[in-house]
């Protein structure tokens, strides 16, 4: 695993030992960022279930202005700190060691807003639905924010009811599905009228 391009290009990233963390492969990460294109430049980023911090750090390397990394694993937090130090991104990075759902509520209370949200939860545990429902309120999303969820192809998102998050694209990589959502604040404003 490495940073693919940008200011920290080529920096090797560490991963926690064991099978609890499933880092995004370089191939999938490169595809995600090719799809995002220039949307990363100047963006505020949230990396949920951050694991190694690879997605958020790639975004910072490509011009994002700030990234918040959230994970509840002590091993992951230690690795994220090391990877931030290796990429020399400490002034742009913030780490939160806590449950993701609780953190989403706290970030809302503190008036954080994000342009891009990466979410790579443990597969088939119901986290995808919980995160989608929590983010659908828009309490921490800027207009036209992009949400990228990496999940098992067996986790069907068609059943998840969202009013403001619109599924725009799916990409499959073996057992992994990457779903791209756009937060449509126009739609939420129309509902209020």
N, C-alpha and C. Protein backbone atom coordinates (compact mmCIF):
# COMPACT_ATOMS: atom_id res chain seq x y z
N UNK A 1 0.83 -1.18 0.00
CA UNK A 1 0.00 0.00 0.00
C UNK A 1 0.88 1.24 0.00
N UNK A 2 0.45 2.22 -0.80
CA UNK A 2 1.23 3.44 -0.91
C UNK A 2 0.32 4.60 -1.30
N UNK A 3 0.86 5.81 -1.20
CA UNK A 3 0.17 6.97 -1.75
C UNK A 3 0.45 6.98 -3.24
N UNK A 4 -0.60 7.06 -4.05
CA UNK A 4 -0.46 6.89 -5.49
C UNK A 4 0.07 8.14 -6.18
N UNK A 5 -0.44 9.30 -5.82
CA UNK A 5 0.01 10.53 -6.48
C UNK A 5 -0.13 11.73 -5.56
N UNK A 6 0.37 12.86 -6.01
CA UNK A 6 0.28 14.08 -5.22
C UNK A 6 1.54 14.36 -4.43
N UNK A 7 1.41 15.21 -3.42
CA UNK A 7 2.58 15.67 -2.67
C UNK A 7 3.30 14.56 -1.90
N UNK A 8 2.60 13.49 -1.54
CA UNK A 8 3.22 12.37 -0.80
C UNK A 8 3.36 11.13 -1.68
N UNK A 9 3.37 11.31 -2.98
CA UNK A 9 3.43 10.21 -3.94
C UNK A 9 4.55 9.22 -3.60
N UNK A 10 4.19 7.93 -3.61
CA UNK A 10 5.17 6.87 -3.38
C UNK A 10 5.38 6.50 -1.93
N UNK A 11 4.86 7.30 -0.99
CA UNK A 11 5.04 6.98 0.43
C UNK A 11 4.34 5.67 0.76
N UNK A 12 5.09 4.74 1.36
CA UNK A 12 4.51 3.45 1.74
C UNK A 12 3.73 3.64 3.04
N UNK A 13 2.54 3.02 3.09
CA UNK A 13 1.69 3.10 4.26
C UNK A 13 1.74 1.80 5.04
N UNK A 14 1.71 1.91 6.35
CA UNK A 14 1.68 0.73 7.22
C UNK A 14 0.24 0.30 7.43
N UNK A 15 0.06 -0.96 7.80
CA UNK A 15 -1.26 -1.50 8.11
C UNK A 15 -1.17 -2.26 9.43
N UNK A 16 -2.26 -2.27 10.22
CA UNK A 16 -2.24 -3.05 11.45
C UNK A 16 -2.07 -4.53 11.14
N UNK A 17 -1.44 -5.25 12.05
CA UNK A 17 -1.28 -6.70 11.87
C UNK A 17 -2.63 -7.39 12.05
N UNK A 18 -2.76 -8.55 11.45
CA UNK A 18 -3.98 -9.34 11.63
C UNK A 18 -4.99 -9.09 10.53
N UNK A 19 -6.16 -9.69 10.72
CA UNK A 19 -7.19 -9.66 9.69
C UNK A 19 -8.34 -8.71 10.02
N UNK A 20 -8.21 -7.96 11.14
CA UNK A 20 -9.31 -7.06 11.52
C UNK A 20 -9.44 -5.88 10.57
N UNK A 21 -8.34 -5.48 9.95
CA UNK A 21 -8.37 -4.35 9.02
C UNK A 21 -8.20 -4.88 7.60
N UNK A 22 -9.01 -4.35 6.69
CA UNK A 22 -8.97 -4.76 5.29
C UNK A 22 -8.68 -3.51 4.47
N UNK A 23 -7.39 -3.14 4.35
CA UNK A 23 -7.06 -1.90 3.64
C UNK A 23 -7.50 -1.93 2.18
N UNK A 24 -7.91 -0.76 1.69
CA UNK A 24 -8.29 -0.62 0.29
C UNK A 24 -7.06 -0.86 -0.58
N UNK A 25 -7.19 -1.72 -1.57
CA UNK A 25 -6.05 -2.01 -2.44
C UNK A 25 -5.71 -0.78 -3.28
N UNK A 26 -4.46 -0.73 -3.72
CA UNK A 26 -4.04 0.40 -4.56
C UNK A 26 -4.88 0.49 -5.83
N UNK A 27 -5.26 -0.67 -6.38
CA UNK A 27 -6.07 -0.68 -7.62
C UNK A 27 -7.42 -0.02 -7.39
N UNK A 28 -8.09 -0.40 -6.29
CA UNK A 28 -9.41 0.18 -5.98
C UNK A 28 -9.27 1.65 -5.64
N UNK A 29 -8.25 1.98 -4.86
CA UNK A 29 -8.03 3.37 -4.47
C UNK A 29 -7.79 4.25 -5.70
N UNK A 30 -6.98 3.76 -6.61
CA UNK A 30 -6.69 4.53 -7.83
C UNK A 30 -7.97 4.75 -8.64
N UNK A 31 -8.79 3.72 -8.72
CA UNK A 31 -10.06 3.84 -9.45
C UNK A 31 -10.98 4.87 -8.79
N UNK A 32 -11.08 4.82 -7.46
CA UNK A 32 -11.92 5.78 -6.73
C UNK A 32 -11.47 7.21 -7.02
N UNK A 33 -10.18 7.45 -6.96
CA UNK A 33 -9.69 8.81 -7.15
C UNK A 33 -9.75 9.25 -8.61
N UNK A 34 -9.66 8.31 -9.54
CA UNK A 34 -9.87 8.66 -10.95
C UNK A 34 -11.31 9.12 -11.17
N UNK A 35 -12.25 8.45 -10.51
CA UNK A 35 -13.66 8.83 -10.63
C UNK A 35 -13.89 10.19 -9.97
N UNK A 36 -13.28 10.43 -8.82
CA UNK A 36 -13.46 11.71 -8.12
C UNK A 36 -12.84 12.87 -8.88
N UNK A 37 -11.73 12.62 -9.55
CA UNK A 37 -11.07 13.66 -10.34
C UNK A 37 -10.73 14.89 -9.52
N UNK A 38 -11.10 16.06 -10.03
CA UNK A 38 -10.75 17.34 -9.38
C UNK A 38 -11.58 17.65 -8.14
N UNK A 39 -12.58 16.84 -7.83
CA UNK A 39 -13.43 17.10 -6.66
C UNK A 39 -12.62 17.08 -5.37
N UNK A 40 -11.47 16.42 -5.37
CA UNK A 40 -10.65 16.30 -4.17
C UNK A 40 -9.92 17.61 -3.85
N UNK A 41 -9.56 18.35 -4.86
CA UNK A 41 -8.77 19.58 -4.67
C UNK A 41 -9.55 20.60 -3.83
N UNK A 42 -9.01 20.96 -2.68
CA UNK A 42 -9.64 21.94 -1.80
C UNK A 42 -10.74 21.38 -0.92
N UNK A 43 -10.95 20.07 -0.94
CA UNK A 43 -12.06 19.45 -0.20
C UNK A 43 -11.73 19.22 1.26
N UNK A 44 -12.78 19.22 2.06
CA UNK A 44 -12.71 18.78 3.45
C UNK A 44 -13.19 17.34 3.46
N UNK A 45 -12.40 16.43 4.07
CA UNK A 45 -12.61 14.99 3.93
C UNK A 45 -12.85 14.33 5.28
N UNK A 46 -13.77 13.36 5.28
CA UNK A 46 -14.02 12.52 6.45
C UNK A 46 -13.75 11.09 6.04
N UNK A 47 -12.89 10.40 6.79
CA UNK A 47 -12.52 9.01 6.52
C UNK A 47 -13.04 8.15 7.67
N UNK A 48 -14.19 7.48 7.44
CA UNK A 48 -14.84 6.66 8.46
C UNK A 48 -14.36 5.22 8.38
N UNK A 49 -14.21 4.58 9.55
CA UNK A 49 -13.61 3.24 9.64
C UNK A 49 -12.26 3.32 8.92
N UNK A 50 -11.46 4.29 9.30
CA UNK A 50 -10.27 4.69 8.55
C UNK A 50 -9.22 3.60 8.40
N UNK A 51 -9.12 2.68 9.34
CA UNK A 51 -8.16 1.57 9.23
C UNK A 51 -6.72 2.04 9.19
N UNK A 52 -6.18 2.26 8.00
CA UNK A 52 -4.80 2.74 7.84
C UNK A 52 -4.76 4.25 7.57
N UNK A 53 -5.93 4.81 7.24
CA UNK A 53 -5.98 6.22 6.85
C UNK A 53 -5.65 6.43 5.38
N UNK A 54 -5.52 5.34 4.63
CA UNK A 54 -5.07 5.42 3.25
C UNK A 54 -5.92 6.29 2.33
N UNK A 55 -7.24 6.24 2.48
CA UNK A 55 -8.11 7.04 1.60
C UNK A 55 -8.01 8.53 1.93
N UNK A 56 -8.08 8.85 3.21
CA UNK A 56 -7.97 10.25 3.62
C UNK A 56 -6.61 10.84 3.30
N UNK A 57 -5.55 10.04 3.49
CA UNK A 57 -4.21 10.52 3.18
C UNK A 57 -3.99 10.71 1.69
N UNK A 58 -4.57 9.82 0.89
CA UNK A 58 -4.50 9.98 -0.57
C UNK A 58 -5.18 11.29 -0.97
N UNK A 59 -6.33 11.57 -0.34
CA UNK A 59 -7.05 12.82 -0.63
C UNK A 59 -6.20 14.03 -0.25
N UNK A 60 -5.56 14.00 0.91
CA UNK A 60 -4.70 15.11 1.33
C UNK A 60 -3.53 15.28 0.36
N UNK A 61 -2.95 14.18 -0.06
CA UNK A 61 -1.83 14.23 -1.01
C UNK A 61 -2.26 14.87 -2.32
N UNK A 62 -3.53 14.70 -2.68
CA UNK A 62 -4.05 15.21 -3.95
C UNK A 62 -4.68 16.60 -3.82
N UNK A 63 -4.53 17.24 -2.66
CA UNK A 63 -4.97 18.63 -2.56
C UNK A 63 -6.13 18.92 -1.63
N UNK A 64 -6.66 17.91 -0.93
CA UNK A 64 -7.69 18.19 0.07
C UNK A 64 -7.09 19.06 1.16
N UNK A 65 -7.90 19.92 1.76
CA UNK A 65 -7.38 20.86 2.75
C UNK A 65 -7.35 20.33 4.17
N UNK A 66 -8.24 19.39 4.48
CA UNK A 66 -8.34 18.88 5.85
C UNK A 66 -8.98 17.51 5.82
N UNK A 67 -8.56 16.62 6.71
CA UNK A 67 -9.17 15.29 6.80
C UNK A 67 -9.32 14.89 8.26
N UNK A 68 -10.48 14.32 8.57
CA UNK A 68 -10.74 13.75 9.89
C UNK A 68 -10.81 12.24 9.72
N UNK A 69 -10.01 11.53 10.50
CA UNK A 69 -9.92 10.07 10.45
C UNK A 69 -10.62 9.50 11.68
N UNK A 70 -11.58 8.60 11.47
CA UNK A 70 -12.35 8.03 12.59
C UNK A 70 -12.21 6.52 12.59
N UNK A 71 -11.81 5.97 13.73
CA UNK A 71 -11.74 4.53 13.92
C UNK A 71 -11.78 4.28 15.42
N UNK A 72 -12.30 3.14 15.84
CA UNK A 72 -12.32 2.86 17.27
C UNK A 72 -11.24 1.88 17.71
N UNK A 73 -10.51 1.32 16.77
CA UNK A 73 -9.45 0.35 17.08
C UNK A 73 -8.16 1.08 17.48
N UNK A 74 -7.61 0.69 18.62
CA UNK A 74 -6.34 1.27 19.07
C UNK A 74 -5.22 0.99 18.08
N UNK A 75 -5.20 -0.22 17.52
CA UNK A 75 -4.16 -0.59 16.55
C UNK A 75 -4.27 0.29 15.31
N UNK A 76 -5.49 0.51 14.84
CA UNK A 76 -5.68 1.37 13.66
C UNK A 76 -5.28 2.81 13.94
N UNK A 77 -5.65 3.31 15.10
CA UNK A 77 -5.30 4.70 15.45
C UNK A 77 -3.78 4.87 15.48
N UNK A 78 -3.07 3.89 16.03
CA UNK A 78 -1.61 3.95 16.08
C UNK A 78 -1.02 3.97 14.67
N UNK A 79 -1.56 3.14 13.77
CA UNK A 79 -1.07 3.08 12.39
C UNK A 79 -1.40 4.38 11.65
N UNK A 80 -2.60 4.90 11.85
CA UNK A 80 -2.97 6.17 11.21
C UNK A 80 -2.01 7.27 11.62
N UNK A 81 -1.68 7.33 12.90
CA UNK A 81 -0.71 8.35 13.39
C UNK A 81 0.63 8.19 12.68
N UNK A 82 1.10 6.94 12.57
CA UNK A 82 2.38 6.69 11.89
C UNK A 82 2.32 7.11 10.42
N UNK A 83 1.22 6.76 9.76
CA UNK A 83 1.07 7.08 8.34
C UNK A 83 0.96 8.59 8.10
N UNK A 84 0.30 9.28 9.01
CA UNK A 84 0.22 10.75 8.91
C UNK A 84 1.62 11.34 9.04
N UNK A 85 2.40 10.82 9.99
CA UNK A 85 3.77 11.31 10.19
C UNK A 85 4.63 11.04 8.95
N UNK A 86 4.51 9.82 8.38
CA UNK A 86 5.30 9.47 7.18
C UNK A 86 4.97 10.36 5.98
N UNK A 87 3.71 10.74 5.86
CA UNK A 87 3.29 11.56 4.71
C UNK A 87 3.44 13.06 4.99
N UNK A 88 3.82 13.40 6.22
CA UNK A 88 4.02 14.80 6.62
C UNK A 88 2.73 15.62 6.43
N UNK A 89 1.61 15.04 6.89
CA UNK A 89 0.30 15.69 6.74
C UNK A 89 -0.32 16.08 8.07
N UNK A 90 0.46 16.10 9.14
CA UNK A 90 -0.10 16.32 10.48
C UNK A 90 -0.89 17.61 10.61
N UNK A 91 -0.46 18.67 9.94
CA UNK A 91 -1.15 19.96 10.08
C UNK A 91 -2.52 19.96 9.41
N UNK A 92 -2.79 18.97 8.56
CA UNK A 92 -4.08 18.89 7.85
C UNK A 92 -4.96 17.75 8.36
N UNK A 93 -4.47 17.00 9.35
CA UNK A 93 -5.15 15.78 9.78
C UNK A 93 -5.62 15.86 11.23
N UNK A 94 -6.75 15.24 11.47
CA UNK A 94 -7.31 15.14 12.81
C UNK A 94 -7.78 13.70 12.99
N UNK A 95 -7.47 13.11 14.14
CA UNK A 95 -7.83 11.72 14.42
C UNK A 95 -8.85 11.67 15.54
N UNK A 96 -9.88 10.85 15.35
CA UNK A 96 -10.89 10.65 16.39
C UNK A 96 -10.97 9.15 16.67
N UNK A 97 -10.67 8.76 17.92
CA UNK A 97 -10.80 7.36 18.32
C UNK A 97 -12.15 7.21 19.01
N UNK A 98 -13.10 6.65 18.26
CA UNK A 98 -14.44 6.50 18.81
C UNK A 98 -15.29 5.68 17.84
N UNK A 99 -16.45 5.27 18.30
CA UNK A 99 -17.44 4.62 17.47
C UNK A 99 -17.87 5.59 16.36
N UNK A 100 -18.00 5.10 15.14
CA UNK A 100 -18.30 5.95 13.99
C UNK A 100 -19.65 6.65 14.13
N UNK A 101 -20.69 5.92 14.52
CA UNK A 101 -22.02 6.52 14.62
C UNK A 101 -22.04 7.61 15.69
N UNK A 102 -21.45 7.35 16.83
CA UNK A 102 -21.38 8.37 17.89
C UNK A 102 -20.59 9.58 17.41
N UNK A 103 -19.53 9.34 16.67
CA UNK A 103 -18.70 10.43 16.17
C UNK A 103 -19.46 11.29 15.18
N UNK A 104 -20.28 10.69 14.33
CA UNK A 104 -21.08 11.47 13.38
C UNK A 104 -21.99 12.45 14.12
N UNK A 105 -22.54 12.03 15.24
CA UNK A 105 -23.38 12.92 16.04
C UNK A 105 -22.56 14.05 16.65
N UNK A 106 -21.37 13.72 17.15
CA UNK A 106 -20.51 14.74 17.76
C UNK A 106 -20.01 15.74 16.73
N UNK A 107 -19.67 15.27 15.54
CA UNK A 107 -19.21 16.18 14.49
C UNK A 107 -20.31 17.16 14.11
N UNK A 108 -21.54 16.68 14.10
CA UNK A 108 -22.68 17.54 13.81
C UNK A 108 -22.82 18.61 14.89
N UNK A 109 -22.68 18.20 16.14
CA UNK A 109 -22.78 19.15 17.27
C UNK A 109 -21.70 20.22 17.20
N UNK A 110 -20.52 19.85 16.66
CA UNK A 110 -19.39 20.79 16.58
C UNK A 110 -19.37 21.57 15.26
N UNK A 111 -20.42 21.42 14.46
CA UNK A 111 -20.58 22.15 13.19
C UNK A 111 -19.46 21.88 12.18
N UNK A 112 -19.07 20.62 12.08
CA UNK A 112 -18.15 20.21 11.02
C UNK A 112 -18.96 19.99 9.74
N UNK A 113 -18.35 20.30 8.60
CA UNK A 113 -18.97 20.02 7.30
C UNK A 113 -17.92 19.44 6.36
N UNK A 114 -18.34 18.46 5.56
CA UNK A 114 -17.41 17.75 4.69
C UNK A 114 -17.90 17.75 3.25
N UNK A 115 -16.92 17.76 2.32
CA UNK A 115 -17.20 17.68 0.89
C UNK A 115 -17.14 16.25 0.38
N UNK A 116 -16.26 15.45 0.99
CA UNK A 116 -16.09 14.05 0.59
C UNK A 116 -16.04 13.19 1.85
N UNK A 117 -16.81 12.10 1.84
CA UNK A 117 -16.81 11.15 2.96
C UNK A 117 -16.46 9.78 2.41
N UNK A 118 -15.41 9.18 2.97
CA UNK A 118 -15.05 7.81 2.65
C UNK A 118 -15.55 6.92 3.79
N UNK A 119 -16.12 5.79 3.45
CA UNK A 119 -16.63 4.87 4.46
C UNK A 119 -16.27 3.45 4.04
N UNK A 120 -15.46 2.79 4.84
CA UNK A 120 -15.01 1.42 4.53
C UNK A 120 -15.20 0.54 5.76
N UNK A 121 -16.48 0.25 6.11
CA UNK A 121 -16.74 -0.50 7.34
C UNK A 121 -16.48 -1.99 7.18
N UNK A 122 -16.45 -2.72 8.31
CA UNK A 122 -16.40 -4.18 8.22
C UNK A 122 -17.59 -4.67 7.39
N UNK A 123 -17.34 -5.64 6.54
CA UNK A 123 -18.38 -6.13 5.63
C UNK A 123 -19.49 -6.89 6.36
N UNK A 124 -20.70 -6.74 5.84
CA UNK A 124 -21.87 -7.53 6.25
C UNK A 124 -22.20 -7.43 7.74
N UNK A 125 -21.99 -6.25 8.31
CA UNK A 125 -22.29 -6.05 9.74
C UNK A 125 -23.39 -5.00 9.96
N UNK A 126 -23.97 -4.47 8.89
CA UNK A 126 -25.05 -3.50 9.02
C UNK A 126 -24.60 -2.05 9.16
N UNK A 127 -23.30 -1.82 9.13
CA UNK A 127 -22.79 -0.45 9.30
C UNK A 127 -23.15 0.46 8.12
N UNK A 128 -23.18 -0.09 6.93
CA UNK A 128 -23.46 0.72 5.74
C UNK A 128 -24.81 1.41 5.88
N UNK A 129 -25.84 0.66 6.27
CA UNK A 129 -27.17 1.22 6.43
C UNK A 129 -27.18 2.31 7.50
N UNK A 130 -26.54 2.04 8.63
CA UNK A 130 -26.51 3.02 9.73
C UNK A 130 -25.83 4.32 9.30
N UNK A 131 -24.71 4.20 8.60
CA UNK A 131 -23.98 5.39 8.16
C UNK A 131 -24.80 6.17 7.13
N UNK A 132 -25.40 5.46 6.17
CA UNK A 132 -26.24 6.13 5.17
C UNK A 132 -27.39 6.88 5.82
N UNK A 133 -28.06 6.25 6.76
CA UNK A 133 -29.19 6.91 7.42
C UNK A 133 -28.73 8.13 8.22
N UNK A 134 -27.60 8.03 8.86
CA UNK A 134 -27.09 9.15 9.66
C UNK A 134 -26.65 10.30 8.75
N UNK A 135 -25.96 10.00 7.66
CA UNK A 135 -25.48 11.05 6.75
C UNK A 135 -26.61 11.65 5.90
N UNK A 136 -27.68 10.91 5.72
CA UNK A 136 -28.80 11.39 4.90
C UNK A 136 -29.43 12.67 5.47
N UNK A 137 -29.25 12.90 6.75
CA UNK A 137 -29.79 14.12 7.36
C UNK A 137 -29.06 15.36 6.86
N UNK A 138 -27.84 15.16 6.35
CA UNK A 138 -27.06 16.28 5.83
C UNK A 138 -26.45 17.16 6.89
N UNK A 139 -26.51 16.74 8.14
CA UNK A 139 -26.05 17.60 9.23
C UNK A 139 -24.54 17.91 9.18
N UNK A 140 -23.76 17.09 8.45
CA UNK A 140 -22.32 17.38 8.33
C UNK A 140 -21.86 17.43 6.87
N UNK A 141 -22.81 17.50 5.94
CA UNK A 141 -22.46 17.49 4.52
C UNK A 141 -22.69 18.86 3.89
N UNK A 142 -21.76 19.26 3.05
CA UNK A 142 -21.93 20.46 2.25
C UNK A 142 -22.82 20.12 1.05
N UNK A 143 -23.42 21.14 0.40
CA UNK A 143 -24.19 20.86 -0.81
C UNK A 143 -23.35 20.11 -1.84
N UNK A 144 -23.92 19.09 -2.43
CA UNK A 144 -23.26 18.26 -3.44
C UNK A 144 -22.07 17.46 -2.91
N UNK A 145 -22.05 17.19 -1.61
CA UNK A 145 -21.01 16.33 -1.04
C UNK A 145 -21.06 14.96 -1.68
N UNK A 146 -19.91 14.30 -1.71
CA UNK A 146 -19.80 12.97 -2.30
C UNK A 146 -19.49 11.97 -1.19
N UNK A 147 -20.25 10.88 -1.16
CA UNK A 147 -20.04 9.80 -0.20
C UNK A 147 -19.62 8.56 -0.98
N UNK A 148 -18.48 7.99 -0.59
CA UNK A 148 -17.98 6.78 -1.23
C UNK A 148 -17.98 5.67 -0.19
N UNK A 149 -18.76 4.62 -0.44
CA UNK A 149 -18.84 3.51 0.50
C UNK A 149 -18.27 2.26 -0.17
N UNK A 150 -17.31 1.66 0.51
CA UNK A 150 -16.72 0.39 0.07
C UNK A 150 -17.39 -0.70 0.89
N UNK A 151 -18.06 -1.65 0.22
CA UNK A 151 -18.81 -2.66 0.95
C UNK A 151 -18.84 -3.97 0.17
N UNK A 152 -19.33 -5.01 0.85
CA UNK A 152 -19.46 -6.31 0.20
C UNK A 152 -20.52 -6.23 -0.89
N UNK A 153 -20.31 -6.95 -1.96
CA UNK A 153 -21.31 -6.97 -3.04
C UNK A 153 -22.60 -7.64 -2.56
N UNK A 154 -22.55 -8.32 -1.43
CA UNK A 154 -23.73 -8.98 -0.88
C UNK A 154 -24.59 -8.03 -0.05
N UNK A 155 -24.06 -6.86 0.28
CA UNK A 155 -24.83 -5.86 1.02
C UNK A 155 -25.61 -5.02 0.02
N UNK A 156 -26.89 -5.26 -0.06
CA UNK A 156 -27.75 -4.58 -1.03
C UNK A 156 -28.19 -3.24 -0.46
N UNK A 157 -27.93 -2.17 -1.20
CA UNK A 157 -28.27 -0.83 -0.72
C UNK A 157 -29.61 -0.34 -1.25
N UNK A 158 -30.24 -1.11 -2.13
CA UNK A 158 -31.53 -0.71 -2.70
C UNK A 158 -32.60 -0.57 -1.63
N UNK A 159 -32.47 -1.33 -0.54
CA UNK A 159 -33.48 -1.32 0.52
C UNK A 159 -33.31 -0.15 1.49
N UNK A 160 -32.17 0.53 1.43
CA UNK A 160 -31.91 1.63 2.36
C UNK A 160 -32.67 2.86 1.88
N UNK A 161 -33.51 3.40 2.74
CA UNK A 161 -34.31 4.57 2.40
C UNK A 161 -33.54 5.85 2.71
N UNK A 162 -33.22 6.60 1.67
CA UNK A 162 -32.54 7.88 1.81
C UNK A 162 -33.33 8.94 1.06
N UNK A 163 -33.51 10.08 1.69
CA UNK A 163 -34.23 11.18 1.05
C UNK A 163 -33.30 12.09 0.27
N UNK A 164 -32.07 12.23 0.73
CA UNK A 164 -31.17 13.24 0.18
C UNK A 164 -29.90 12.67 -0.44
N UNK A 165 -29.52 11.46 -0.08
CA UNK A 165 -28.35 10.82 -0.68
C UNK A 165 -28.80 10.02 -1.89
N UNK A 166 -28.23 10.34 -3.03
CA UNK A 166 -28.64 9.70 -4.28
C UNK A 166 -27.49 8.84 -4.80
N UNK A 167 -27.77 7.55 -5.00
CA UNK A 167 -26.77 6.64 -5.55
C UNK A 167 -26.53 7.00 -7.00
N UNK A 168 -25.27 7.33 -7.33
CA UNK A 168 -24.92 7.75 -8.69
C UNK A 168 -24.17 6.68 -9.48
N UNK A 169 -23.44 5.83 -8.75
CA UNK A 169 -22.56 4.91 -9.48
C UNK A 169 -22.13 3.77 -8.57
N UNK A 170 -21.98 2.58 -9.13
CA UNK A 170 -21.41 1.41 -8.46
C UNK A 170 -20.27 0.87 -9.30
N UNK A 171 -19.20 0.48 -8.66
CA UNK A 171 -18.08 -0.18 -9.33
C UNK A 171 -17.77 -1.45 -8.55
N UNK A 172 -17.63 -2.57 -9.27
CA UNK A 172 -17.35 -3.84 -8.62
C UNK A 172 -15.91 -4.27 -8.85
N UNK A 173 -15.28 -4.73 -7.76
CA UNK A 173 -13.91 -5.25 -7.79
C UNK A 173 -13.93 -6.58 -7.03
N UNK A 174 -14.20 -7.68 -7.71
CA UNK A 174 -14.30 -8.97 -7.05
C UNK A 174 -15.47 -8.97 -6.07
N UNK A 175 -15.20 -9.22 -4.80
CA UNK A 175 -16.24 -9.25 -3.77
C UNK A 175 -16.58 -7.86 -3.25
N UNK A 176 -15.82 -6.86 -3.67
CA UNK A 176 -16.00 -5.49 -3.18
C UNK A 176 -16.83 -4.67 -4.16
N UNK A 177 -17.75 -3.91 -3.60
CA UNK A 177 -18.54 -2.96 -4.38
C UNK A 177 -18.25 -1.56 -3.83
N UNK A 178 -17.98 -0.62 -4.70
CA UNK A 178 -17.77 0.77 -4.29
C UNK A 178 -18.95 1.57 -4.82
N UNK A 179 -19.72 2.17 -3.88
CA UNK A 179 -20.90 2.93 -4.24
C UNK A 179 -20.65 4.41 -4.01
N UNK A 180 -21.02 5.22 -5.01
CA UNK A 180 -20.84 6.67 -4.96
C UNK A 180 -22.20 7.34 -4.81
N UNK A 181 -22.35 8.13 -3.77
CA UNK A 181 -23.58 8.87 -3.52
C UNK A 181 -23.29 10.37 -3.60
N UNK A 182 -24.29 11.13 -3.98
CA UNK A 182 -24.23 12.60 -3.96
C UNK A 182 -25.28 13.08 -2.98
N UNK A 183 -24.91 14.02 -2.12
CA UNK A 183 -25.89 14.64 -1.23
C UNK A 183 -26.58 15.75 -2.00
N UNK A 184 -27.86 15.58 -2.24
CA UNK A 184 -28.63 16.53 -3.03
C UNK A 184 -29.37 17.49 -2.11
N UNK A 185 -28.70 18.59 -1.76
CA UNK A 185 -29.31 19.57 -0.85
C UNK A 185 -30.49 20.27 -1.50
N UNK A 186 -30.54 20.33 -2.85
CA UNK A 186 -31.69 20.91 -3.56
C UNK A 186 -32.95 20.16 -3.15
N UNK A 187 -32.83 18.83 -3.16
CA UNK A 187 -33.97 18.00 -2.85
C UNK A 187 -34.45 18.25 -1.42
N UNK A 188 -33.50 18.38 -0.46
CA UNK A 188 -33.89 18.61 0.92
C UNK A 188 -34.52 19.99 1.08
N UNK A 189 -34.03 20.99 0.34
CA UNK A 189 -34.62 22.33 0.41
C UNK A 189 -36.04 22.33 -0.14
N UNK A 190 -36.29 21.57 -1.21
CA UNK A 190 -37.62 21.51 -1.79
C UNK A 190 -38.60 20.86 -0.81
N UNK A 191 -38.12 19.88 -0.06
CA UNK A 191 -38.98 19.20 0.91
C UNK A 191 -39.42 20.14 2.03
N UNK A 192 -38.56 21.11 2.38
CA UNK A 192 -38.87 22.05 3.43
C UNK A 192 -39.91 23.08 3.00
N UNK A 193 -39.96 23.40 1.69
CA UNK A 193 -40.89 24.42 1.19
C UNK A 193 -42.35 23.98 1.28
